[in-house]
């Protein structure tokens, strides 16, 4: 599905059908489903939809299975949430105290033999109870609204914490969570999985010759090209600096190497120009290292081998793809 309006209409329909909160992370998740960016996500949600509307719980379960749980550094939001919960606890305690006071006043009024005095005391106690309840309900309602805003802040923080600020693609933390989850699935299901490390060749020259703004443009160009080329094939992330990572579930090392080579040629044969001035800044070449998942692998094992293959690609002259091979 490529029409933007159709994509977002489809997402809104899924949100409405399942009563799913329209949070940034849920939009991002369903966007990957509707556009077919992740075949495993498409398969999992298609199966879930045969059993009924997709709900928040459904998304949470699939998100954990495919992308890992992750921990978000959202100290401020958590502190604000704790403060709101403390206020709500105070409201409950005050409500409880008001209820006990009301009961005591009613008990005391029953011992008064003067009916008019008893009635007056009961009316006064009831009015005081109603006033207290109304005030507490107002405060509780305000706190509930604050908590809803905090939930929105938390979702935004969750997305921000897993995205690279410059390029907008997933960051290293999100990649590590995804890789852990995918390794577990691949080993359990006996499916292949490959990892590609990519490094832009001589990236420093772009900053030195044209300035950091052009260097940033190059990083955004590479990230956008990776997202487009590996759409539906792999999970793309910025590892740091001029390094990028592609996790390819269901693809063996040989197949991943072929994709890596095709991407190297695809981008490396283009002449890059700056957006504003149209100034030609030459070709963007890259070195890529590839490795496939082995039995009993950990994420670190996989990362180390892909990094070693990348090092070999750079040592052999750059602008090439090297697939890790076990020592003979």
Foldseek 3Di string as FASTA:
>chain_A
DPDPVVLVVVLVVLCVQAVEDPAPVSSVLSSLCSVLQAVVSVVQVVVVPVVPRQYPVSVVVVCCLQQNDFDFDDVVLVVVLVVLVVVLVVLVVVLVVLVVVLVVQLVVLVVDPDPVSSVVSNVVSVVVNVVSVVVSVVVNVVSVVVVVVSVNVVSVRVLVRQADPLQRAGAQRRVQSNLQSLVVVCQVVVAKKKKKKKAWPPLVCCCVVPNVVSSSVVLNVVQVLCSVLCRNAWGKYAHDDRMIMTIGTRDAQVRVLVSVLVSQCVQQVDFDADDPPRHTDGGTGMEMFMEMDDPPDDPVNNVVQRVVQSVVCVVVPGRHYGYGDDDD
